[in-house]
Amino acid sequence: MRMQDRLRVNSNKIKKSHILLIGSFLIFMGIISLFWNSFIRLRDEVYSDMRIAMMGEEKVDPVVDTIEDVPTVENVDNETNNNSYVVDYSKYLAVLEIPKIGLKRGFYDVGSKYNNIQYNVTMVQGSTLPDVENGNLILIAHSGDAYISYFAYLYRLSVGDMIYVTYGGRRYQYQLVNIYEVEKNGVVSIQRNHERTTLTMITCTKNNDYTQSVYISELVG
């Protein structure tokens, strides 16, 4: 075989090798892209559980018409908000669902070390559960872009929207009746009808660092 032909054959082999290498790389990147979102969601869930396991107890003063010493609710940024991955809800005390904003998140009892605003939707001490007549279930959570910002899209809700809480094998249906803002100073006044069973949700007001928004819903079914 002439030298020129030998060089041509070697050149073709190198080109085929490069094509094979590039093709394998593209397939690998495609697989990574396919499973990346699932990986990120799993990472966030594991990260959250690890942080929860290391935290201590946190107490809040009892609630009558005013919540005092409320944990600061902030806009938390620069992380991915993932609320759609599959979760084992049996580990929670109850589950909050807001179909309009695609939120479904469990929460723990006030006595649980997992009941902390830095890691979950949090039930404030002094709250009552949905089966208590004329009681008030009070939930708080962060807003923003982090994976712990479970109330990031409450601002999209309007009076009349439906909210659900599953507890004790029953699904309780609430309707949003009032939305208002309060100064962010550690005290939140609850403006509700004491002759109705209610759900109160509190989070940071969107685009406002100085107030928190309060969402009052009443049990309708």
C-alpha atoms as a PDB file:
ATOM      1  CA  MET A   1       0.000   0.000   0.000  1.00  0.00           C
ATOM      2  CA  ARG A   2       1.327   3.383  -0.951  1.00  0.00           C
ATOM      3  CA  MET A   3       2.139   5.905   1.767  1.00  0.00           C
ATOM      4  CA  GLN A   4      -0.584   8.269   0.477  1.00  0.00           C
ATOM      5  CA  ASP A   5      -3.236   5.521   0.656  1.00  0.00           C
ATOM      6  CA  ARG A   6      -2.086   4.519   4.131  1.00  0.00           C
ATOM      7  CA  LEU A   7      -2.429   8.105   5.343  1.00  0.00           C
ATOM      8  CA  ARG A   8      -5.909   8.349   3.827  1.00  0.00           C
ATOM      9  CA  VAL A   9      -7.020   5.158   5.611  1.00  0.00           C
ATOM     10  CA  ASN A  10      -5.622   6.378   8.936  1.00  0.00           C
ATOM     11  CA  SER A  11      -7.350   9.732   8.445  1.00  0.00           C
ATOM     12  CA  ASN A  12     -10.699   7.995   7.860  1.00  0.00           C
ATOM     13  CA  LYS A  13     -10.227   5.895  10.980  1.00  0.00           C
ATOM     14  CA  ILE A  14      -9.509   9.022  13.030  1.00  0.00           C
ATOM     15  CA  LYS A  15     -12.632  10.741  11.640  1.00  0.00           C
ATOM     16  CA  LYS A  16     -14.798   7.716  12.470  1.00  0.00           C
ATOM     17  CA  SER A  17     -13.286   7.610  15.955  1.00  0.00           C
ATOM     18  CA  HIS A  18     -14.066  11.300  16.475  1.00  0.00           C
ATOM     19  CA  ILE A  19     -17.628  10.852  15.228  1.00  0.00           C
ATOM     20  CA  LEU A  20     -18.122   7.896  17.566  1.00  0.00           C
ATOM     21  CA  LEU A  21     -16.693   9.883  20.479  1.00  0.00           C
ATOM     22  CA  ILE A  22     -18.875  12.920  19.772  1.00  0.00           C
ATOM     23  CA  GLY A  23     -21.938  10.720  19.340  1.00  0.00           C
ATOM     24  CA  SER A  24     -21.314   8.967  22.665  1.00  0.00           C
ATOM     25  CA  PHE A  25     -20.843  12.335  24.353  1.00  0.00           C
ATOM     26  CA  LEU A  26     -24.122  13.674  22.948  1.00  0.00           C
ATOM     27  CA  ILE A  27     -25.980  10.548  24.088  1.00  0.00           C
ATOM     28  CA  PHE A  28     -24.451  10.894  27.556  1.00  0.00           C
ATOM     29  CA  MET A  29     -25.453  14.574  27.749  1.00  0.00           C
ATOM     30  CA  GLY A  30     -28.960  13.683  26.612  1.00  0.00           C
ATOM     31  CA  ILE A  31     -29.284  11.141  29.430  1.00  0.00           C
ATOM     32  CA  ILE A  32     -27.967  13.680  31.947  1.00  0.00           C
ATOM     33  CA  SER A  33     -30.469  16.304  30.733  1.00  0.00           C
ATOM     34  CA  LEU A  34     -33.321  13.813  30.921  1.00  0.00           C
ATOM     35  CA  PHE A  35     -32.696  12.976  34.561  1.00  0.00           C
ATOM     36  CA  TRP A  36     -31.315  16.350  35.736  1.00  0.00           C
ATOM     37  CA  ASN A  37     -34.591  17.759  37.056  1.00  0.00           C
ATOM     38  CA  SER A  38     -35.314  14.557  38.966  1.00  0.00           C
ATOM     39  CA  PHE A  39     -31.807  14.636  40.408  1.00  0.00           C
ATOM     40  CA  ILE A  40     -32.191  18.259  41.534  1.00  0.00           C
ATOM     41  CA  ARG A  41     -35.531  17.511  43.193  1.00  0.00           C
ATOM     42  CA  LEU A  42     -34.122  14.476  44.995  1.00  0.00           C
ATOM     43  CA  ARG A  43     -31.084  16.498  46.089  1.00  0.00           C
ATOM     44  CA  ASP A  44     -33.285  19.239  47.529  1.00  0.00           C
ATOM     45  CA  GLU A  45     -35.484  16.750  49.399  1.00  0.00           C
ATOM     46  CA  VAL A  46     -32.463  14.955  50.880  1.00  0.00           C
ATOM     47  CA  TYR A  47     -30.784  18.280  51.698  1.00  0.00           C
ATOM     48  CA  SER A  48     -33.916  19.481  53.439  1.00  0.00           C
ATOM     49  CA  ASP A  49     -34.252  16.260  55.468  1.00  0.00           C
ATOM     50  CA  MET A  50     -30.594  16.454  56.506  1.00  0.00           C
ATOM     51  CA  ARG A  51     -30.997  20.032  57.728  1.00  0.00           C
ATOM     52  CA  ILE A  52     -34.216  19.167  59.539  1.00  0.00           C
ATOM     53  CA  ALA A  53     -32.524  16.282  61.327  1.00  0.00           C
ATOM     54  CA  MET A  54     -29.890  18.647  62.740  1.00  0.00           C
ATOM     55  CA  MET A  55     -32.204  21.387  63.958  1.00  0.00           C
ATOM     56  CA  GLY A  56     -33.640  21.921  67.416  1.00  0.00           C
ATOM     57  CA  GLU A  57     -37.110  22.663  68.724  1.00  0.00           C
ATOM     58  CA  GLU A  58     -38.718  26.040  68.067  1.00  0.00           C
ATOM     59  CA  LYS A  59     -41.654  27.432  70.057  1.00  0.00           C
ATOM     60  CA  VAL A  60     -44.090  30.258  69.327  1.00  0.00           C
ATOM     61  CA  ASP A  61     -46.434  31.971  71.776  1.00  0.00           C
ATOM     62  CA  PRO A  62     -50.086  30.792  71.835  1.00  0.00           C
ATOM     63  CA  VAL A  63     -52.572  32.434  69.478  1.00  0.00           C
ATOM     64  CA  VAL A  64     -55.840  34.169  70.346  1.00  0.00           C
ATOM     65  CA  ASP A  65     -56.498  37.039  67.933  1.00  0.00           C
ATOM     66  CA  THR A  66     -52.861  37.984  67.532  1.00  0.00           C
ATOM     67  CA  ILE A  67     -49.758  35.951  66.786  1.00  0.00           C
ATOM     68  CA  GLU A  68     -46.737  37.262  68.665  1.00  0.00           C
ATOM     69  CA  ASP A  69     -43.062  36.459  68.031  1.00  0.00           C
ATOM     70  CA  VAL A  70     -43.885  35.123  64.590  1.00  0.00           C
ATOM     71  CA  PRO A  71     -40.796  33.652  62.901  1.00  0.00           C
ATOM     72  CA  THR A  72     -39.648  36.114  60.245  1.00  0.00           C
ATOM     73  CA  VAL A  73     -41.116  35.295  56.858  1.00  0.00           C
ATOM     74  CA  GLU A  74     -38.832  36.419  54.046  1.00  0.00           C
ATOM     75  CA  ASN A  75     -38.328  36.248  50.322  1.00  0.00           C
ATOM     76  CA  VAL A  76     -35.633  33.584  49.852  1.00  0.00           C
ATOM     77  CA  ASP A  77     -33.784  33.653  46.546  1.00  0.00           C
ATOM     78  CA  ASN A  78     -31.177  31.895  44.406  1.00  0.00           C
ATOM     79  CA  GLU A  79     -32.353  28.314  44.712  1.00  0.00           C
ATOM     80  CA  THR A  80     -34.785  26.216  42.713  1.00  0.00           C
ATOM     81  CA  ASN A  81     -38.369  25.988  43.923  1.00  0.00           C
ATOM     82  CA  ASN A  82     -39.501  22.375  43.466  1.00  0.00           C
ATOM     83  CA  ASN A  83     -42.978  21.507  44.706  1.00  0.00           C
ATOM     84  CA  SER A  84     -43.969  18.928  42.085  1.00  0.00           C
ATOM     85  CA  TYR A  85     -41.803  15.887  42.875  1.00  0.00           C
ATOM     86  CA  VAL A  86     -43.300  12.752  44.368  1.00  0.00           C
ATOM     87  CA  VAL A  87     -43.453  12.829  48.160  1.00  0.00           C
ATOM     88  CA  ASP A  88     -44.553  10.292  50.772  1.00  0.00           C
ATOM     89  CA  TYR A  89     -47.335  12.309  52.399  1.00  0.00           C
ATOM     90  CA  SER A  90     -48.020   9.655  55.016  1.00  0.00           C
ATOM     91  CA  LYS A  91     -45.174  11.059  57.131  1.00  0.00           C
ATOM     92  CA  TYR A  92     -46.987  14.371  57.616  1.00  0.00           C
ATOM     93  CA  LEU A  93     -49.705  15.349  60.059  1.00  0.00           C
ATOM     94  CA  ALA A  94     -51.758  16.906  57.270  1.00  0.00           C
ATOM     95  CA  VAL A  95     -51.437  18.044  53.663  1.00  0.00           C
ATOM     96  CA  LEU A  96     -52.162  21.507  52.236  1.00  0.00           C
ATOM     97  CA  GLU A  97     -53.335  21.724  48.615  1.00  0.00           C
ATOM     98  CA  ILE A  98     -53.943  24.836  46.515  1.00  0.00           C
ATOM     99  CA  PRO A  99     -54.766  23.692  42.965  1.00  0.00           C
ATOM    100  CA  LYS A 100     -54.713  27.186  41.445  1.00  0.00           C
ATOM    101  CA  ILE A 101     -50.988  27.572  42.112  1.00  0.00           C
ATOM    102  CA  GLY A 102     -50.040  23.893  41.903  1.00  0.00           C
ATOM    103  CA  LEU A 103     -49.088  23.630  45.581  1.00  0.00           C
ATOM    104  CA  LYS A 104     -49.306  20.372  47.509  1.00  0.00           C
ATOM    105  CA  ARG A 105     -47.228  20.198  50.668  1.00  0.00           C
ATOM    106  CA  GLY A 106     -47.448  18.325  53.925  1.00  0.00           C
ATOM    107  CA  PHE A 107     -46.848  19.863  57.328  1.00  0.00           C
ATOM    108  CA  TYR A 108     -46.085  18.570  60.819  1.00  0.00           C
ATOM    109  CA  ASP A 109     -47.602  18.977  64.267  1.00  0.00           C
ATOM    110  CA  VAL A 110     -46.437  21.963  66.340  1.00  0.00           C
ATOM    111  CA  GLY A 111     -44.621  19.604  68.709  1.00  0.00           C
ATOM    112  CA  SER A 112     -42.481  18.113  65.952  1.00  0.00           C
ATOM    113  CA  LYS A 113     -38.893  19.223  65.409  1.00  0.00           C
ATOM    114  CA  TYR A 114     -39.664  19.165  61.690  1.00  0.00           C
ATOM    115  CA  ASN A 115     -42.203  21.969  62.139  1.00  0.00           C
ATOM    116  CA  ASN A 116     -39.845  24.836  61.279  1.00  0.00           C
ATOM    117  CA  ILE A 117     -40.211  27.645  58.738  1.00  0.00           C
ATOM    118  CA  GLN A 118     -36.640  27.173  57.548  1.00  0.00           C
ATOM    119  CA  TYR A 119     -37.562  23.757  56.185  1.00  0.00           C
ATOM    120  CA  ASN A 120     -41.323  23.363  55.767  1.00  0.00           C
ATOM    121  CA  VAL A 121     -44.755  24.873  55.689  1.00  0.00           C
ATOM    122  CA  THR A 122     -45.081  25.484  59.424  1.00  0.00           C
ATOM    123  CA  MET A 123     -48.086  25.281  61.744  1.00  0.00           C
ATOM    124  CA  VAL A 124     -47.990  28.026  64.375  1.00  0.00           C
ATOM    125  CA  GLN A 125     -48.422  26.971  67.996  1.00  0.00           C
ATOM    126  CA  GLY A 126     -51.920  27.826  69.164  1.00  0.00           C
ATOM    127  CA  SER A 127     -53.437  26.649  65.884  1.00  0.00           C
ATOM    128  CA  THR A 128     -56.310  24.196  65.822  1.00  0.00           C
ATOM    129  CA  LEU A 129     -56.821  21.440  63.273  1.00  0.00           C
ATOM    130  CA  PRO A 130     -59.703  21.412  60.758  1.00  0.00           C
ATOM    131  CA  ASP A 131     -61.906  19.113  62.855  1.00  0.00           C
ATOM    132  CA  VAL A 132     -62.147  21.720  65.642  1.00  0.00           C
ATOM    133  CA  GLU A 133     -65.336  23.745  65.215  1.00  0.00           C
ATOM    134  CA  ASN A 134     -64.716  27.503  64.882  1.00  0.00           C
ATOM    135  CA  GLY A 135     -60.988  26.899  65.240  1.00  0.00           C
ATOM    136  CA  ASN A 136     -58.198  28.474  63.227  1.00  0.00           C
ATOM    137  CA  LEU A 137     -55.387  26.571  61.515  1.00  0.00           C
ATOM    138  CA  ILE A 138     -52.467  28.988  60.994  1.00  0.00           C
ATOM    139  CA  LEU A 139     -49.732  28.129  58.490  1.00  0.00           C
ATOM    140  CA  ILE A 140     -46.645  30.144  57.575  1.00  0.00           C
ATOM    141  CA  ALA A 141     -43.967  29.657  54.903  1.00  0.00           C
ATOM    142  CA  HIS A 142     -41.362  31.623  52.983  1.00  0.00           C
ATOM    143  CA  SER A 143     -41.809  33.346  49.645  1.00  0.00           C
ATOM    144  CA  GLY A 144     -39.119  33.745  46.998  1.00  0.00           C
ATOM    145  CA  ASP A 145     -37.270  31.364  44.670  1.00  0.00           C
ATOM    146  CA  ALA A 146     -35.744  28.819  47.063  1.00  0.00           C
ATOM    147  CA  TYR A 147     -37.026  25.259  47.356  1.00  0.00           C
ATOM    148  CA  ILE A 148     -38.335  26.146  50.829  1.00  0.00           C
ATOM    149  CA  SER A 149     -40.443  29.013  49.408  1.00  0.00           C
ATOM    150  CA  TYR A 150     -43.670  27.036  49.464  1.00  0.00           C
ATOM    151  CA  PHE A 151     -45.850  30.167  49.620  1.00  0.00           C
ATOM    152  CA  ALA A 152     -44.068  31.875  46.725  1.00  0.00           C
ATOM    153  CA  TYR A 153     -47.221  32.058  44.599  1.00  0.00           C
ATOM    154  CA  LEU A 154     -49.893  32.891  47.161  1.00  0.00           C
ATOM    155  CA  TYR A 155     -49.983  36.388  45.651  1.00  0.00           C
ATOM    156  CA  ARG A 156     -51.758  34.845  42.623  1.00  0.00           C
ATOM    157  CA  LEU A 157     -54.749  33.867  44.753  1.00  0.00           C
ATOM    158  CA  SER A 158     -58.003  35.802  44.746  1.00  0.00           C
ATOM    159  CA  VAL A 159     -60.997  35.889  47.076  1.00  0.00           C
ATOM    160  CA  GLY A 160     -63.183  32.903  46.212  1.00  0.00           C
ATOM    161  CA  ASP A 161     -60.337  30.504  45.380  1.00  0.00           C
ATOM    162  CA  MET A 162     -60.444  27.020  46.896  1.00  0.00           C
ATOM    163  CA  ILE A 163     -57.901  25.533  49.309  1.00  0.00           C
ATOM    164  CA  TYR A 164     -57.842  21.989  50.729  1.00  0.00           C
ATOM    165  CA  VAL A 165     -56.408  20.394  53.847  1.00  0.00           C
ATOM    166  CA  THR A 166     -56.318  16.615  54.182  1.00  0.00           C
ATOM    167  CA  TYR A 167     -56.210  15.505  57.815  1.00  0.00           C
ATOM    168  CA  GLY A 168     -57.252  12.340  59.648  1.00  0.00           C
ATOM    169  CA  GLY A 169     -58.419  10.663  56.460  1.00  0.00           C
ATOM    170  CA  ARG A 170     -60.740  13.544  55.531  1.00  0.00           C
ATOM    171  CA  ARG A 171     -60.338  16.329  52.958  1.00  0.00           C
ATOM    172  CA  TYR A 172     -61.490  19.709  54.245  1.00  0.00           C
ATOM    173  CA  GLN A 173     -62.484  22.362  51.726  1.00  0.00           C
ATOM    174  CA  TYR A 174     -61.837  26.054  52.397  1.00  0.00           C
ATOM    175  CA  GLN A 175     -62.701  29.163  50.406  1.00  0.00           C
ATOM    176  CA  LEU A 176     -60.524  32.284  50.482  1.00  0.00           C
ATOM    177  CA  VAL A 177     -62.518  35.205  51.923  1.00  0.00           C
ATOM    178  CA  ASN A 178     -59.967  37.915  52.767  1.00  0.00           C
ATOM    179  CA  ILE A 179     -56.433  39.039  51.895  1.00  0.00           C
ATOM    180  CA  TYR A 180     -54.665  41.869  53.711  1.00  0.00           C
ATOM    181  CA  GLU A 181     -51.201  43.092  54.652  1.00  0.00           C
ATOM    182  CA  VAL A 182     -49.617  43.750  58.041  1.00  0.00           C
ATOM    183  CA  GLU A 183     -46.354  45.351  59.052  1.00  0.00           C
ATOM    184  CA  LYS A 184     -43.478  42.919  59.414  1.00  0.00           C
ATOM    185  CA  ASN A 185     -42.702  43.431  63.111  1.00  0.00           C
ATOM    186  CA  GLY A 186     -43.212  39.992  64.688  1.00  0.00           C
ATOM    187  CA  VAL A 187     -46.909  40.551  65.467  1.00  0.00           C
ATOM    188  CA  VAL A 188     -49.740  39.508  63.133  1.00  0.00           C
ATOM    189  CA  SER A 189     -53.396  40.361  63.789  1.00  0.00           C
ATOM    190  CA  ILE A 190     -55.836  37.711  62.597  1.00  0.00           C
ATOM    191  CA  GLN A 191     -58.991  39.317  61.222  1.00  0.00           C
ATOM    192  CA  ARG A 192     -61.432  36.440  61.042  1.00  0.00           C
ATOM    193  CA  ASN A 193     -64.995  35.446  61.880  1.00  0.00           C
ATOM    194  CA  HIS A 194     -64.820  33.532  65.170  1.00  0.00           C
ATOM    195  CA  GLU A 195     -68.090  31.789  64.334  1.00  0.00           C
ATOM    196  CA  ARG A 196     -66.458  30.053  61.367  1.00  0.00           C
ATOM    197  CA  THR A 197     -63.752  27.402  61.121  1.00  0.00           C
ATOM    198  CA  THR A 198     -60.859  29.092  59.379  1.00  0.00           C
ATOM    199  CA  LEU A 199     -57.481  28.582  57.748  1.00  0.00           C
ATOM    200  CA  THR A 200     -54.933  31.425  57.941  1.00  0.00           C
ATOM    201  CA  MET A 201     -51.826  31.514  55.752  1.00  0.00           C
ATOM    202  CA  ILE A 202     -49.060  34.074  56.233  1.00  0.00           C
ATOM    203  CA  THR A 203     -46.095  34.884  54.022  1.00  0.00           C
ATOM    204  CA  CYS A 204     -43.942  37.791  52.890  1.00  0.00           C
ATOM    205  CA  THR A 205     -45.682  40.274  50.598  1.00  0.00           C
ATOM    206  CA  LYS A 206     -44.437  40.104  47.016  1.00  0.00           C
ATOM    207  CA  ASN A 207     -42.130  43.010  46.093  1.00  0.00           C
ATOM    208  CA  ASN A 208     -42.378  44.478  49.585  1.00  0.00           C
ATOM    209  CA  ASP A 209     -39.740  43.904  52.271  1.00  0.00           C
ATOM    210  CA  TYR A 210     -41.728  45.610  55.016  1.00  0.00           C
ATOM    211  CA  THR A 211     -45.069  43.783  55.133  1.00  0.00           C
ATOM    212  CA  GLN A 212     -46.486  40.285  55.316  1.00  0.00           C
ATOM    213  CA  SER A 213     -49.641  39.142  53.555  1.00  0.00           C
ATOM    214  CA  VAL A 214     -52.382  37.313  55.436  1.00  0.00           C
ATOM    215  CA  TYR A 215     -54.822  34.999  53.634  1.00  0.00           C
ATOM    216  CA  ILE A 216     -58.017  34.083  55.506  1.00  0.00           C
ATOM    217  CA  SER A 217     -60.117  31.123  54.306  1.00  0.00           C
ATOM    218  CA  GLU A 218     -63.272  29.639  55.751  1.00  0.00           C
ATOM    219  CA  LEU A 219     -64.345  26.006  55.869  1.00  0.00           C
ATOM    220  CA  VAL A 220     -67.142  25.306  53.369  1.00  0.00           C
ATOM    221  CA  GLY A 221     -67.137  21.534  53.115  1.00  0.00           C
END
